Amino acid sequence: MVADLDEALEHIERYSTRHTEAILTNSLANAERFQREVDSASVIVNASTRFTDGGQFGLGAEVGISTARMHARGPMGVEELTTTKWLVNGEGHVRA
């Protein structure tokens, strides 16, 4: 738990793996700022971090799991060097 959004953003900047971050908030302004300023592959508002999954994102079955932000291996072109930032918005959603 942190005192405010500024403290949360500082904590994430210092300790994040840049994979998935989430916030629970009633403030639309805080949710939008969180999604805008957090530098992670998945940024989630008011939903479980368990939604960070290739199948949940519509990418099909996962052959292997990587916790790195860059999933490409081998020769890389522009497409492989481009990262995606997934923005997930919920209303208390959990994944069963």
PDB file of N, CA and C in Angstrom:
ATOM      1  N   MET A   1       0.852  -1.178   0.000  1.00  0.00           N
ATOM      2  CA  MET A   1       0.000   0.000   0.000  1.00  0.00           C
ATOM      3  C   MET A   1       0.897   1.240   0.000  1.00  0.00           C
ATOM      4  N   VAL A   2       0.447   2.237  -0.712  1.00  0.00           N
ATOM      5  CA  VAL A   2       1.178   3.503  -0.777  1.00  0.00           C
ATOM      6  C   VAL A   2       0.226   4.645  -0.429  1.00  0.00           C
ATOM      7  N   ALA A   3       0.804   5.780  -0.097  1.00  0.00           N
ATOM      8  CA  ALA A   3       0.008   6.919   0.357  1.00  0.00           C
ATOM      9  C   ALA A   3      -0.784   7.584  -0.766  1.00  0.00           C
ATOM     10  N   ASP A   4      -0.186   7.645  -1.964  1.00  0.00           N
ATOM     11  CA  ASP A   4      -0.860   8.331  -3.065  1.00  0.00           C
ATOM     12  C   ASP A   4      -0.305   7.846  -4.404  1.00  0.00           C
ATOM     13  N   LEU A   5      -0.860   8.368  -5.474  1.00  0.00           N
ATOM     14  CA  LEU A   5      -0.467   7.933  -6.811  1.00  0.00           C
ATOM     15  C   LEU A   5       0.990   8.268  -7.107  1.00  0.00           C
ATOM     16  N   ASP A   6       1.453   9.419  -6.673  1.00  0.00           N
ATOM     17  CA  ASP A   6       2.852   9.779  -6.911  1.00  0.00           C
ATOM     18  C   ASP A   6       3.791   8.747  -6.287  1.00  0.00           C
ATOM     19  N   GLU A   7       3.502   8.343  -5.056  1.00  0.00           N
ATOM     20  CA  GLU A   7       4.328   7.336  -4.386  1.00  0.00           C
ATOM     21  C   GLU A   7       4.252   5.986  -5.120  1.00  0.00           C
ATOM     22  N   ALA A   8       3.076   5.648  -5.608  1.00  0.00           N
ATOM     23  CA  ALA A   8       2.916   4.396  -6.362  1.00  0.00           C
ATOM     24  C   ALA A   8       3.748   4.420  -7.634  1.00  0.00           C
ATOM     25  N   LEU A   9       3.694   5.516  -8.362  1.00  0.00           N
ATOM     26  CA  LEU A   9       4.457   5.632  -9.603  1.00  0.00           C
ATOM     27  C   LEU A   9       5.958   5.594  -9.340  1.00  0.00           C
ATOM     28  N   GLU A  10       6.407   6.212  -8.266  1.00  0.00           N
ATOM     29  CA  GLU A  10       7.831   6.169  -7.900  1.00  0.00           C
ATOM     30  C   GLU A  10       8.252   4.739  -7.557  1.00  0.00           C
ATOM     31  N   HIS A  11       7.420   4.030  -6.804  1.00  0.00           N
ATOM     32  CA  HIS A  11       7.715   2.651  -6.428  1.00  0.00           C
ATOM     33  C   HIS A  11       7.809   1.757  -7.672  1.00  0.00           C
ATOM     34  N   ILE A  12       6.857   1.906  -8.568  1.00  0.00           N
ATOM     35  CA  ILE A  12       6.856   1.102  -9.791  1.00  0.00           C
ATOM     36  C   ILE A  12       8.073   1.418 -10.642  1.00  0.00           C
ATOM     37  N   GLU A  13       8.396   2.677 -10.784  1.00  0.00           N
ATOM     38  CA  GLU A  13       9.579   3.066 -11.578  1.00  0.00           C
ATOM     39  C   GLU A  13      10.846   2.416 -11.029  1.00  0.00           C
ATOM     40  N   ARG A  14      10.944   2.326  -9.720  1.00  0.00           N
ATOM     41  CA  ARG A  14      12.153   1.778  -9.094  1.00  0.00           C
ATOM     42  C   ARG A  14      12.195   0.250  -9.102  1.00  0.00           C
ATOM     43  N   TYR A  15      11.070  -0.418  -8.845  1.00  0.00           N
ATOM     44  CA  TYR A  15      11.083  -1.862  -8.609  1.00  0.00           C
ATOM     45  C   TYR A  15      10.404  -2.716  -9.690  1.00  0.00           C
ATOM     46  N   SER A  16       9.766  -2.109 -10.656  1.00  0.00           N
ATOM     47  CA  SER A  16       8.987  -2.868 -11.632  1.00  0.00           C
ATOM     48  C   SER A  16       9.854  -3.747 -12.526  1.00  0.00           C
ATOM     49  N   THR A  17       9.291  -4.889 -12.926  1.00  0.00           N
ATOM     50  CA  THR A  17       9.918  -5.743 -13.932  1.00  0.00           C
ATOM     51  C   THR A  17       9.543  -5.282 -15.336  1.00  0.00           C
ATOM     52  N   ARG A  18       8.614  -4.329 -15.434  1.00  0.00           N
ATOM     53  CA  ARG A  18       8.095  -3.795 -16.696  1.00  0.00           C
ATOM     54  C   ARG A  18       7.195  -4.805 -17.409  1.00  0.00           C
ATOM     55  N   HIS A  19       6.707  -5.793 -16.663  1.00  0.00           N
ATOM     56  CA  HIS A  19       5.822  -6.808 -17.246  1.00  0.00           C
ATOM     57  C   HIS A  19       4.357  -6.437 -17.055  1.00  0.00           C
ATOM     58  N   THR A  20       3.876  -6.362 -15.804  1.00  0.00           N
ATOM     59  CA  THR A  20       2.476  -6.070 -15.521  1.00  0.00           C
ATOM     60  C   THR A  20       2.364  -5.240 -14.251  1.00  0.00           C
ATOM     61  N   GLU A  21       1.569  -4.198 -14.321  1.00  0.00           N
ATOM     62  CA  GLU A  21       1.283  -3.369 -13.152  1.00  0.00           C
ATOM     63  C   GLU A  21      -0.217  -3.130 -13.099  1.00  0.00           C
ATOM     64  N   ALA A  22      -0.752  -2.986 -11.882  1.00  0.00           N
ATOM     65  CA  ALA A  22      -2.197  -2.787 -11.725  1.00  0.00           C
ATOM     66  C   ALA A  22      -2.486  -1.769 -10.636  1.00  0.00           C
ATOM     67  N   ILE A  23      -3.649  -1.149 -10.752  1.00  0.00           N
ATOM     68  CA  ILE A  23      -4.128  -0.186  -9.768  1.00  0.00           C
ATOM     69  C   ILE A  23      -5.618  -0.430  -9.532  1.00  0.00           C
ATOM     70  N   LEU A  24      -6.017  -0.233  -8.285  1.00  0.00           N
ATOM     71  CA  LEU A  24      -7.443  -0.212  -7.933  1.00  0.00           C
ATOM     72  C   LEU A  24      -7.767   1.216  -7.541  1.00  0.00           C
ATOM     73  N   THR A  25      -8.712   1.819  -8.236  1.00  0.00           N
ATOM     74  CA  THR A  25      -9.026   3.212  -7.974  1.00  0.00           C
ATOM     75  C   THR A  25     -10.456   3.540  -8.387  1.00  0.00           C
ATOM     76  N   ASN A  26     -11.025   4.523  -7.730  1.00  0.00           N
ATOM     77  CA  ASN A  26     -12.332   5.067  -8.120  1.00  0.00           C
ATOM     78  C   ASN A  26     -12.166   6.331  -8.944  1.00  0.00           C
ATOM     79  N   SER A  27     -10.930   6.782  -9.095  1.00  0.00           N
ATOM     80  CA  SER A  27     -10.654   8.049  -9.775  1.00  0.00           C
ATOM     81  C   SER A  27     -10.283   7.806 -11.243  1.00  0.00           C
ATOM     82  N   LEU A  28     -11.106   8.310 -12.152  1.00  0.00           N
ATOM     83  CA  LEU A  28     -10.811   8.200 -13.573  1.00  0.00           C
ATOM     84  C   LEU A  28      -9.510   8.919 -13.911  1.00  0.00           C
ATOM     85  N   ALA A  29      -9.274  10.075 -13.299  1.00  0.00           N
ATOM     86  CA  ALA A  29      -8.042  10.830 -13.554  1.00  0.00           C
ATOM     87  C   ALA A  29      -6.816  10.019 -13.135  1.00  0.00           C
ATOM     88  N   ASN A  30      -6.870   9.368 -11.960  1.00  0.00           N
ATOM     89  CA  ASN A  30      -5.745   8.551 -11.512  1.00  0.00           C
ATOM     90  C   ASN A  30      -5.550   7.335 -12.419  1.00  0.00           C
ATOM     91  N   ALA A  31      -6.644   6.721 -12.859  1.00  0.00           N
ATOM     92  CA  ALA A  31      -6.549   5.563 -13.756  1.00  0.00           C
ATOM     93  C   ALA A  31      -5.887   5.955 -15.068  1.00  0.00           C
ATOM     94  N   GLU A  32      -6.309   7.069 -15.644  1.00  0.00           N
ATOM     95  CA  GLU A  32      -5.736   7.526 -16.911  1.00  0.00           C
ATOM     96  C   GLU A  32      -4.268   7.896 -16.757  1.00  0.00           C
ATOM     97  N   ARG A  33      -3.930   8.559 -15.661  1.00  0.00           N
ATOM     98  CA  ARG A  33      -2.524   8.924 -15.425  1.00  0.00           C
ATOM     99  C   ARG A  33      -1.680   7.674 -15.229  1.00  0.00           C
ATOM    100  N   PHE A  34      -2.188   6.703 -14.471  1.00  0.00           N
ATOM    101  CA  PHE A  34      -1.482   5.453 -14.236  1.00  0.00           C
ATOM    102  C   PHE A  34      -1.187   4.751 -15.565  1.00  0.00           C
ATOM    103  N   GLN A  35      -2.184   4.633 -16.417  1.00  0.00           N
ATOM    104  CA  GLN A  35      -1.976   3.966 -17.698  1.00  0.00           C
ATOM    105  C   GLN A  35      -1.027   4.750 -18.595  1.00  0.00           C
ATOM    106  N   ARG A  36      -1.066   6.036 -18.529  1.00  0.00           N
ATOM    107  CA  ARG A  36      -0.199   6.872 -19.359  1.00  0.00           C
ATOM    108  C   ARG A  36       1.263   6.824 -18.889  1.00  0.00           C
ATOM    109  N   GLU A  37       1.501   6.824 -17.578  1.00  0.00           N
ATOM    110  CA  GLU A  37       2.854   6.988 -17.056  1.00  0.00           C
ATOM    111  C   GLU A  37       3.577   5.692 -16.725  1.00  0.00           C
ATOM    112  N   VAL A  38       2.870   4.599 -16.507  1.00  0.00           N
ATOM    113  CA  VAL A  38       3.544   3.343 -16.172  1.00  0.00           C
ATOM    114  C   VAL A  38       4.095   2.713 -17.445  1.00  0.00           C
ATOM    115  N   ASP A  39       5.372   2.358 -17.408  1.00  0.00           N
ATOM    116  CA  ASP A  39       6.054   1.761 -18.557  1.00  0.00           C
ATOM    117  C   ASP A  39       6.152   0.257 -18.361  1.00  0.00           C
ATOM    118  N   SER A  40       5.069  -0.447 -18.639  1.00  0.00           N
ATOM    119  CA  SER A  40       5.028  -1.901 -18.532  1.00  0.00           C
ATOM    120  C   SER A  40       4.268  -2.458 -19.731  1.00  0.00           C
ATOM    121  N   ALA A  41       4.459  -3.746 -19.985  1.00  0.00           N
ATOM    122  CA  ALA A  41       3.786  -4.373 -21.119  1.00  0.00           C
ATOM    123  C   ALA A  41       2.280  -4.418 -20.921  1.00  0.00           C
ATOM    124  N   SER A  42       1.818  -4.629 -19.689  1.00  0.00           N
ATOM    125  CA  SER A  42       0.390  -4.643 -19.376  1.00  0.00           C
ATOM    126  C   SER A  42       0.136  -3.695 -18.214  1.00  0.00           C
ATOM    127  N   VAL A  43      -0.796  -2.796 -18.403  1.00  0.00           N
ATOM    128  CA  VAL A  43      -1.155  -1.840 -17.362  1.00  0.00           C
ATOM    129  C   VAL A  43      -2.655  -1.989 -17.125  1.00  0.00           C
ATOM    130  N   ILE A  44      -2.996  -2.414 -15.915  1.00  0.00           N
ATOM    131  CA  ILE A  44      -4.354  -2.844 -15.606  1.00  0.00           C
ATOM    132  C   ILE A  44      -4.999  -1.923 -14.571  1.00  0.00           C
ATOM    133  N   VAL A  45      -6.255  -1.560 -14.823  1.00  0.00           N
ATOM    134  CA  VAL A  45      -7.033  -0.743 -13.901  1.00  0.00           C
ATOM    135  C   VAL A  45      -8.248  -1.548 -13.454  1.00  0.00           C
ATOM    136  N   ASN A  46      -8.365  -1.728 -12.154  1.00  0.00           N
ATOM    137  CA  ASN A  46      -9.545  -2.353 -11.536  1.00  0.00           C
ATOM    138  C   ASN A  46      -9.855  -3.751 -12.060  1.00  0.00           C
ATOM    139  N   ALA A  47      -8.819  -4.529 -12.298  1.00  0.00           N
ATOM    140  CA  ALA A  47      -8.998  -5.924 -12.718  1.00  0.00           C
ATOM    141  C   ALA A  47      -7.775  -6.720 -12.268  1.00  0.00           C
ATOM    142  N   SER A  48      -7.923  -8.022 -12.255  1.00  0.00           N
ATOM    143  CA  SER A  48      -6.856  -8.917 -11.818  1.00  0.00           C
ATOM    144  C   SER A  48      -5.685  -8.933 -12.795  1.00  0.00           C
ATOM    145  N   THR A  49      -4.477  -9.045 -12.269  1.00  0.00           N
ATOM    146  CA  THR A  49      -3.296  -9.184 -13.113  1.00  0.00           C
ATOM    147  C   THR A  49      -3.274 -10.537 -13.823  1.00  0.00           C
ATOM    148  N   ARG A  50      -4.156 -11.447 -13.442  1.00  0.00           N
ATOM    149  CA  ARG A  50      -4.237 -12.754 -14.109  1.00  0.00           C
ATOM    150  C   ARG A  50      -4.753 -12.637 -15.545  1.00  0.00           C
ATOM    151  N   PHE A  51      -5.218 -11.463 -15.946  1.00  0.00           N
ATOM    152  CA  PHE A  51      -5.643 -11.271 -17.333  1.00  0.00           C
ATOM    153  C   PHE A  51      -4.456 -11.085 -18.276  1.00  0.00           C
ATOM    154  N   THR A  52      -3.248 -10.936 -17.753  1.00  0.00           N
ATOM    155  CA  THR A  52      -2.061 -10.815 -18.586  1.00  0.00           C
ATOM    156  C   THR A  52      -1.692 -12.201 -19.092  1.00  0.00           C
ATOM    157  N   ASP A  53      -2.251 -12.550 -20.232  1.00  0.00           N
ATOM    158  CA  ASP A  53      -2.093 -13.889 -20.785  1.00  0.00           C
ATOM    159  C   ASP A  53      -2.363 -13.805 -22.282  1.00  0.00           C
ATOM    160  N   GLY A  54      -1.533 -14.471 -23.063  1.00  0.00           N
ATOM    161  CA  GLY A  54      -1.699 -14.437 -24.516  1.00  0.00           C
ATOM    162  C   GLY A  54      -3.082 -14.846 -24.973  1.00  0.00           C
ATOM    163  N   GLY A  55      -3.636 -15.888 -24.360  1.00  0.00           N
ATOM    164  CA  GLY A  55      -4.978 -16.328 -24.722  1.00  0.00           C
ATOM    165  C   GLY A  55      -6.023 -15.281 -24.398  1.00  0.00           C
ATOM    166  N   GLN A  56      -5.889 -14.608 -23.261  1.00  0.00           N
ATOM    167  CA  GLN A  56      -6.828 -13.555 -22.868  1.00  0.00           C
ATOM    168  C   GLN A  56      -6.745 -12.355 -23.807  1.00  0.00           C
ATOM    169  N   PHE A  57      -5.550 -12.115 -24.361  1.00  0.00           N
ATOM    170  CA  PHE A  57      -5.368 -10.993 -25.283  1.00  0.00           C
ATOM    171  C   PHE A  57      -5.721 -11.361 -26.718  1.00  0.00           C
ATOM    172  N   GLY A  58      -6.197 -12.584 -26.938  1.00  0.00           N
ATOM    173  CA  GLY A  58      -6.594 -13.003 -28.279  1.00  0.00           C
ATOM    174  C   GLY A  58      -5.444 -13.381 -29.179  1.00  0.00           C
ATOM    175  N   LEU A  59      -4.315 -13.757 -28.589  1.00  0.00           N
ATOM    176  CA  LEU A  59      -3.137 -14.107 -29.374  1.00  0.00           C
ATOM    177  C   LEU A  59      -3.001 -15.603 -29.609  1.00  0.00           C
ATOM    178  N   GLY A  60      -3.956 -16.372 -29.138  1.00  0.00           N
ATOM    179  CA  GLY A  60      -3.907 -17.818 -29.320  1.00  0.00           C
ATOM    180  C   GLY A  60      -3.143 -18.498 -28.206  1.00  0.00           C
ATOM    181  N   ALA A  61      -2.955 -19.807 -28.382  1.00  0.00           N
ATOM    182  CA  ALA A  61      -2.282 -20.621 -27.365  1.00  0.00           C
ATOM    183  C   ALA A  61      -0.825 -20.200 -27.213  1.00  0.00           C
ATOM    184  N   GLU A  62      -0.332 -20.314 -25.990  1.00  0.00           N
ATOM    185  CA  GLU A  62       1.059 -19.980 -25.725  1.00  0.00           C
ATOM    186  C   GLU A  62       1.919 -21.235 -25.832  1.00  0.00           C
ATOM    187  N   VAL A  63       2.988 -21.134 -26.583  1.00  0.00           N
ATOM    188  CA  VAL A  63       3.919 -22.247 -26.741  1.00  0.00           C
ATOM    189  C   VAL A  63       4.903 -22.258 -25.579  1.00  0.00           C
ATOM    190  N   GLY A  64       5.303 -21.091 -25.142  1.00  0.00           N
ATOM    191  CA  GLY A  64       6.211 -20.943 -24.012  1.00  0.00           C
ATOM    192  C   GLY A  64       5.877 -19.651 -23.298  1.00  0.00           C
ATOM    193  N   ILE A  65       6.334 -19.529 -22.086  1.00  0.00           N
ATOM    194  CA  ILE A  65       6.034 -18.341 -21.306  1.00  0.00           C
ATOM    195  C   ILE A  65       7.318 -17.578 -21.048  1.00  0.00           C
ATOM    196  N   SER A  66       7.285 -16.309 -21.339  1.00  0.00           N
ATOM    197  CA  SER A  66       8.412 -15.426 -21.082  1.00  0.00           C
ATOM    198  C   SER A  66       7.932 -14.284 -20.215  1.00  0.00           C
ATOM    199  N   THR A  67       8.697 -13.936 -19.210  1.00  0.00           N
ATOM    200  CA  THR A  67       8.345 -12.780 -18.393  1.00  0.00           C
ATOM    201  C   THR A  67       9.088 -11.533 -18.849  1.00  0.00           C
ATOM    202  N   ALA A  68       9.818 -11.648 -19.954  1.00  0.00           N
ATOM    203  CA  ALA A  68      10.510 -10.496 -20.511  1.00  0.00           C
ATOM    204  C   ALA A  68       9.542  -9.667 -21.342  1.00  0.00           C
ATOM    205  N   ARG A  69       9.842  -8.414 -21.504  1.00  0.00           N
ATOM    206  CA  ARG A  69       8.978  -7.551 -22.298  1.00  0.00           C
ATOM    207  C   ARG A  69       9.111  -7.862 -23.784  1.00  0.00           C
ATOM    208  N   MET A  70      10.314  -8.201 -24.221  1.00  0.00           N
ATOM    209  CA  MET A  70      10.540  -8.564 -25.622  1.00  0.00           C
ATOM    210  C   MET A  70      10.415 -10.069 -25.756  1.00  0.00           C
ATOM    211  N   HIS A  71       9.459 -10.524 -26.556  1.00  0.00           N
ATOM    212  CA  HIS A  71       9.230 -11.950 -26.709  1.00  0.00           C
ATOM    213  C   HIS A  71       9.913 -12.533 -27.939  1.00  0.00           C
ATOM    214  N   ALA A  72      10.401 -11.683 -28.828  1.00  0.00           N
ATOM    215  CA  ALA A  72      11.004 -12.175 -30.066  1.00  0.00           C
ATOM    216  C   ALA A  72      12.368 -12.802 -29.802  1.00  0.00           C
ATOM    217  N   ARG A  73      12.680 -13.804 -30.578  1.00  0.00           N
ATOM    218  CA  ARG A  73      13.991 -14.458 -30.523  1.00  0.00           C
ATOM    219  C   ARG A  73      14.514 -14.582 -31.947  1.00  0.00           C
ATOM    220  N   GLY A  74      15.811 -14.696 -32.093  1.00  0.00           N
ATOM    221  CA  GLY A  74      16.398 -14.873 -33.425  1.00  0.00           C
ATOM    222  C   GLY A  74      16.487 -13.559 -34.174  1.00  0.00           C
ATOM    223  N   PRO A  75      16.558 -13.636 -35.520  1.00  0.00           N
ATOM    224  CA  PRO A  75      16.664 -12.406 -36.322  1.00  0.00           C
ATOM    225  C   PRO A  75      15.484 -11.477 -36.042  1.00  0.00           C
ATOM    226  N   MET A  76      15.783 -10.187 -35.922  1.00  0.00           N
ATOM    227  CA  MET A  76      14.728  -9.229 -35.582  1.00  0.00           C
ATOM    228  C   MET A  76      14.676  -8.103 -36.594  1.00  0.00           C
ATOM    229  N   GLY A  77      13.464  -7.816 -37.022  1.00  0.00           N
ATOM    230  CA  GLY A  77      13.199  -6.664 -37.860  1.00  0.00           C
ATOM    231  C   GLY A  77      12.400  -5.654 -37.063  1.00  0.00           C
ATOM    232  N   VAL A  78      11.833  -4.693 -37.755  1.00  0.00           N
ATOM    233  CA  VAL A  78      11.074  -3.624 -37.087  1.00  0.00           C
ATOM    234  C   VAL A  78       9.916  -4.201 -36.279  1.00  0.00           C
ATOM    235  N   GLU A  79       9.192  -5.174 -36.834  1.00  0.00           N
ATOM    236  CA  GLU A  79       8.048  -5.737 -36.118  1.00  0.00           C
ATOM    237  C   GLU A  79       8.462  -6.378 -34.800  1.00  0.00           C
ATOM    238  N   GLU A  80       9.568  -7.108 -34.792  1.00  0.00           N
ATOM    239  CA  GLU A  80      10.035  -7.769 -33.563  1.00  0.00           C
ATOM    240  C   GLU A  80      10.577  -6.780 -32.540  1.00  0.00           C
ATOM    241  N   LEU A  81      11.029  -5.631 -32.984  1.00  0.00           N
ATOM    242  CA  LEU A  81      11.576  -4.623 -32.070  1.00  0.00           C
ATOM    243  C   LEU A  81      10.507  -3.657 -31.532  1.00  0.00           C
ATOM    244  N   THR A  82       9.270  -3.834 -31.981  1.00  0.00           N
ATOM    245  CA  THR A  82       8.165  -2.993 -31.529  1.00  0.00           C
ATOM    246  C   THR A  82       7.471  -3.667 -30.363  1.00  0.00           C
ATOM    247  N   THR A  83       7.313  -2.942 -29.265  1.00  0.00           N
ATOM    248  CA  THR A  83       6.614  -3.508 -28.113  1.00  0.00           C
ATOM    249  C   THR A  83       5.159  -3.045 -28.116  1.00  0.00           C
ATOM    250  N   THR A  84       4.352  -3.793 -27.415  1.00  0.00           N
ATOM    251  CA  THR A  84       2.943  -3.476 -27.280  1.00  0.00           C
ATOM    252  C   THR A  84       2.649  -3.175 -25.817  1.00  0.00           C
ATOM    253  N   LYS A  85       1.897  -2.143 -25.567  1.00  0.00           N
ATOM    254  CA  LYS A  85       1.454  -1.830 -24.217  1.00  0.00           C
ATOM    255  C   LYS A  85      -0.037  -2.121 -24.161  1.00  0.00           C
ATOM    256  N   TRP A  86      -0.407  -3.172 -23.434  1.00  0.00           N
ATOM    257  CA  TRP A  86      -1.793  -3.576 -23.294  1.00  0.00           C
ATOM    258  C   TRP A  86      -2.426  -2.780 -22.165  1.00  0.00           C
ATOM    259  N   LEU A  87      -3.547  -2.123 -22.430  1.00  0.00           N
ATOM    260  CA  LEU A  87      -4.281  -1.381 -21.417  1.00  0.00           C
ATOM    261  C   LEU A  87      -5.565  -2.148 -21.114  1.00  0.00           C
ATOM    262  N   VAL A  88      -5.699  -2.597 -19.874  1.00  0.00           N
ATOM    263  CA  VAL A  88      -6.840  -3.398 -19.452  1.00  0.00           C
ATOM    264  C   VAL A  88      -7.656  -2.577 -18.461  1.00  0.00           C
ATOM    265  N   ASN A  89      -8.943  -2.420 -18.741  1.00  0.00           N
ATOM    266  CA  ASN A  89      -9.833  -1.685 -17.841  1.00  0.00           C
ATOM    267  C   ASN A  89     -10.929  -2.614 -17.358  1.00  0.00           C
ATOM    268  N   GLY A  90     -11.145  -2.619 -16.052  1.00  0.00           N
ATOM    269  CA  GLY A  90     -12.169  -3.479 -15.491  1.00  0.00           C
ATOM    270  C   GLY A  90     -12.993  -2.744 -14.451  1.00  0.00           C
ATOM    271  N   GLU A  91     -13.921  -3.482 -13.888  1.00  0.00           N
ATOM    272  CA  GLU A  91     -14.750  -2.988 -12.791  1.00  0.00           C
ATOM    273  C   GLU A  91     -14.762  -4.044 -11.704  1.00  0.00           C
ATOM    274  N   GLY A  92     -13.558  -4.426 -11.274  1.00  0.00           N
ATOM    275  CA  GLY A  92     -13.427  -5.479 -10.261  1.00  0.00           C
ATOM    276  C   GLY A  92     -13.380  -6.866 -10.867  1.00  0.00           C
ATOM    277  N   HIS A  93     -13.095  -6.957 -12.155  1.00  0.00           N
ATOM    278  CA  HIS A  93     -13.057  -8.236 -12.841  1.00  0.00           C
ATOM    279  C   HIS A  93     -11.934  -9.128 -12.317  1.00  0.00           C
ATOM    280  N   VAL A  94     -12.238 -10.396 -12.179  1.00  0.00           N
ATOM    281  CA  VAL A  94     -11.248 -11.412 -11.812  1.00  0.00           C
ATOM    282  C   VAL A  94     -11.326 -12.535 -12.828  1.00  0.00           C
ATOM    283  N   ARG A  95     -10.256 -13.277 -12.954  1.00  0.00           N
ATOM    284  CA  ARG A  95     -10.215 -14.409 -13.878  1.00  0.00           C
ATOM    285  C   ARG A  95     -10.352 -15.687 -13.074  1.00  0.00           C
ATOM    286  N   ALA A  96     -11.347 -16.491 -13.399  1.00  0.00           N
ATOM    287  CA  ALA A  96     -11.593 -17.731 -12.676  1.00  0.00           C
ATOM    288  C   ALA A  96     -10.607 -18.802 -13.090  1.00  0.00           C
TER     289      ALA A  96
END
